[in-house]
Protein backbone atom coordinates (compact mmCIF):
# COMPACT_ATOMS: atom_id res chain seq x y z
CA UNK A 1 -164.31 150.74 81.74
CA UNK A 2 -165.10 154.54 79.99
CA UNK A 3 -168.74 156.53 80.42
CA UNK A 4 -169.06 156.10 76.25
CA UNK A 5 -167.92 152.52 76.57
CA UNK A 6 -170.25 151.57 78.71
CA UNK A 7 -173.13 152.79 77.35
CA UNK A 8 -172.15 150.58 73.62
CA UNK A 9 -171.58 147.43 75.72
CA UNK A 10 -175.24 147.67 77.06
CA UNK A 11 -177.01 148.78 73.56
CA UNK A 12 -174.95 145.87 71.87
CA UNK A 13 -176.27 143.43 74.76
CA UNK A 14 -180.19 144.96 74.41
CA UNK A 15 -179.30 144.61 70.72
CA UNK A 16 -178.06 140.67 71.25
CA UNK A 17 -181.48 140.39 73.66
CA UNK A 18 -183.61 141.21 71.37
CA UNK A 19 -182.79 139.52 68.35
CA UNK A 20 -181.98 136.64 70.56
CA UNK A 21 -185.39 134.35 69.60
CA UNK A 22 -185.70 136.87 66.12
CA UNK A 23 -182.46 133.61 66.06
CA UNK A 24 -184.17 130.60 67.69
CA UNK A 25 -185.74 127.82 64.94
CA UNK A 26 -188.37 126.84 65.47
CA UNK A 27 -188.40 122.58 65.71
CA UNK A 28 -189.22 120.68 62.40
CA UNK A 29 -192.74 119.50 61.72
CA UNK A 30 -192.49 115.94 62.18
CA UNK A 31 -191.91 113.98 58.44
CA UNK A 32 -195.44 112.58 57.41
CA UNK A 33 -194.69 108.05 57.73
CA UNK A 34 -196.14 106.30 55.38
CA UNK A 35 -198.53 103.77 54.95
CA UNK A 36 -197.28 101.68 52.50
CA UNK A 37 -193.04 100.32 53.03
CA UNK A 38 -191.39 102.39 50.33
CA UNK A 39 -188.74 100.58 47.54
CA UNK A 40 -190.52 97.23 48.53
CA UNK A 41 -189.39 95.02 45.44
CA UNK A 42 -189.42 91.36 46.28
CA UNK A 43 -186.48 89.79 45.77
CA UNK A 44 -186.42 87.21 42.45
CA UNK A 45 -182.93 84.75 41.78
CA UNK A 46 -180.36 86.26 41.22
CA UNK A 47 -179.34 87.77 38.02
CA UNK A 48 -177.31 84.70 35.90
CA UNK A 49 -173.42 85.83 34.24
CA UNK A 50 -174.72 85.80 30.83
CA UNK A 51 -177.20 87.92 31.71
CA UNK A 52 -175.01 90.33 33.84
CA UNK A 53 -172.60 90.33 30.92
CA UNK A 54 -174.88 92.17 28.55
CA UNK A 55 -175.91 94.36 30.82
CA UNK A 56 -172.17 95.96 31.77
CA UNK A 57 -171.46 95.08 27.83
CA UNK A 58 -174.51 97.81 27.17
CA UNK A 59 -173.36 99.99 29.74
CA UNK A 60 -169.69 100.05 28.34
CA UNK A 61 -171.23 101.09 25.23
CA UNK A 62 -172.74 103.87 26.43
CA UNK A 63 -170.12 104.98 28.28
CA UNK A 64 -167.85 104.22 24.77
CA UNK A 65 -170.34 106.64 22.94
CA UNK A 66 -169.28 109.37 25.20
CA UNK A 67 -165.74 108.11 25.67
CA UNK A 68 -165.93 107.55 29.38
CA UNK A 69 -164.39 104.96 30.50
CA UNK A 70 -166.30 103.56 33.69
CA UNK A 71 -165.48 100.36 36.39
CA UNK A 72 -168.75 98.70 36.39
CA UNK A 73 -170.13 95.83 38.57
CA UNK A 74 -173.51 93.99 38.88
CA UNK A 75 -174.38 92.36 41.73
CA UNK A 76 -177.11 89.22 43.03
CA UNK A 77 -179.58 90.52 44.93
CA UNK A 78 -178.08 90.25 48.40
CA UNK A 79 -175.26 92.29 46.95
CA UNK A 80 -173.16 89.68 46.17
CA UNK A 81 -170.84 89.88 43.39
CA UNK A 82 -171.16 88.25 39.89
CA UNK A 83 -169.69 89.70 37.09
CA UNK A 84 -167.26 93.40 37.10
CA UNK A 85 -165.31 94.11 34.05
CA UNK A 86 -162.90 97.71 34.00
CA UNK A 87 -163.29 99.45 30.91
CA UNK A 88 -159.41 100.69 29.31
CA UNK A 89 -157.91 103.44 31.49
CA UNK A 90 -160.58 103.81 34.28
CA UNK A 91 -159.69 105.14 37.57
CA UNK A 92 -157.95 102.11 39.84
CA UNK A 93 -159.98 104.23 42.33
CA UNK A 94 -163.30 103.72 41.37
CA UNK A 95 -163.16 100.01 41.30
CA UNK A 96 -164.61 99.38 44.40
CA UNK A 97 -166.49 102.43 43.91
CA UNK A 98 -168.46 100.40 41.17
CA UNK A 99 -168.91 97.64 43.72
CA UNK A 100 -169.81 99.85 46.78
CA UNK A 101 -173.44 101.27 44.77
CA UNK A 102 -174.13 98.65 42.74
CA UNK A 103 -174.16 96.90 46.48
CA UNK A 104 -176.39 99.69 48.13
CA UNK A 105 -178.53 99.99 45.15
CA UNK A 106 -179.21 95.80 45.53
CA UNK A 107 -179.29 96.11 49.71
CA UNK A 108 -181.32 99.26 49.73
CA UNK A 109 -183.67 98.01 47.01
CA UNK A 110 -183.10 101.82 45.18
CA UNK A 111 -180.65 103.65 43.07
CA UNK A 112 -178.00 105.18 44.90
CA UNK A 113 -179.69 108.94 43.70
CA UNK A 114 -181.36 108.37 45.99
CA UNK A 115 -179.41 108.94 49.12
CA UNK A 116 -176.90 111.43 47.21
CA UNK A 117 -180.36 113.61 47.09
CA UNK A 118 -181.24 113.07 50.36
CA UNK A 119 -177.98 114.05 51.77
CA UNK A 120 -177.74 116.86 49.45
CA UNK A 121 -181.18 118.19 50.91
CA UNK A 122 -179.92 118.13 54.72
CA UNK A 123 -180.29 114.62 55.52
CA UNK A 124 -176.40 113.97 56.41
CA UNK A 125 -177.71 111.16 58.86
CA UNK A 126 -178.30 108.31 56.12
CA UNK A 127 -174.14 108.15 55.77
CA UNK A 128 -174.15 106.98 59.02
CA UNK A 129 -176.49 103.88 57.74
CA UNK A 130 -174.06 100.92 57.21
CA UNK A 131 -173.71 100.59 52.92
CA UNK A 132 -174.36 103.75 52.23
CA UNK A 133 -173.01 105.26 49.13
CA UNK A 134 -174.26 108.54 48.34
CA UNK A 135 -173.18 109.48 44.92
CA UNK A 136 -175.16 108.34 40.85
CA UNK A 137 -174.27 106.11 39.41
CA UNK A 138 -176.15 102.74 40.76
CA UNK A 139 -179.49 101.39 39.84
CA UNK A 140 -180.63 98.06 41.44
CA UNK A 141 -181.79 95.56 38.65
CA UNK A 142 -186.04 94.73 38.48
CA UNK A 143 -187.19 91.30 36.32
CA UNK A 144 -190.41 90.66 35.96
CA UNK A 145 -191.68 92.38 39.23
CA UNK A 146 -188.37 91.25 41.46
CA UNK A 147 -184.84 92.18 41.93
CA UNK A 148 -182.49 89.75 40.55
CA UNK A 149 -179.06 92.89 41.46
CA UNK A 150 -178.10 95.64 40.89
CA UNK A 151 -175.13 97.66 38.73
CA UNK A 152 -172.59 99.89 40.01
CA UNK A 153 -170.61 102.00 37.43
CA UNK A 154 -167.49 104.58 38.37
CA UNK A 155 -164.65 106.30 36.49
CA UNK A 156 -166.89 109.93 35.51
CA UNK A 157 -168.91 112.09 36.74
CA UNK A 158 -171.90 111.18 39.05
CA UNK A 159 -173.70 111.95 36.36
CA UNK A 160 -171.73 110.84 33.53
CA UNK A 161 -171.63 106.73 36.01
CA UNK A 162 -175.17 106.89 36.15
CA UNK A 163 -176.55 107.71 32.52
CA UNK A 164 -173.43 104.59 31.63
CA UNK A 165 -175.61 102.43 33.78
CA UNK A 166 -178.55 103.30 32.98
CA UNK A 167 -178.06 102.45 29.97
CA UNK A 168 -177.23 99.11 31.20
CA UNK A 169 -180.39 98.89 34.05
CA UNK A 170 -183.05 99.14 30.97
CA UNK A 171 -182.13 95.79 29.47
CA UNK A 172 -182.76 93.99 31.90
CA UNK A 173 -187.54 94.15 32.53
């Protein structure tokens, strides 16, 4: 090795050693532990077929207003399929996705956008939990303070799916 090369290597090693401390990350502070259970919605009787059809119809009407083609699934509180509707021209790949969004919204008792936001915010470990789908378009259906099911929509962008499903979810009070 030439003498001038040795000096360059030594200088680079020194700089690397000095900057090493700057690159070290401080451990993240632990998240505060909430006193109350989040999303603690009590379970109610499963949504009935006629009610599920009305919820899906409201979501489909919203989708039609925008010329969106949706697959719409309505499930009971345990995630069991109660009603499914595939709008004409809706993509086939979105059939299981709509059902998955509805199941996740029911079984986790929260909108699926909560998972999307958490993963986008740097918490990809959520994807390791069984039944999670980190995609907007799944809404719990809460009537008189009790979870009676959920609706899931898929076929457009996450935002389009969310707008369609929200119209159906708002029918339930």
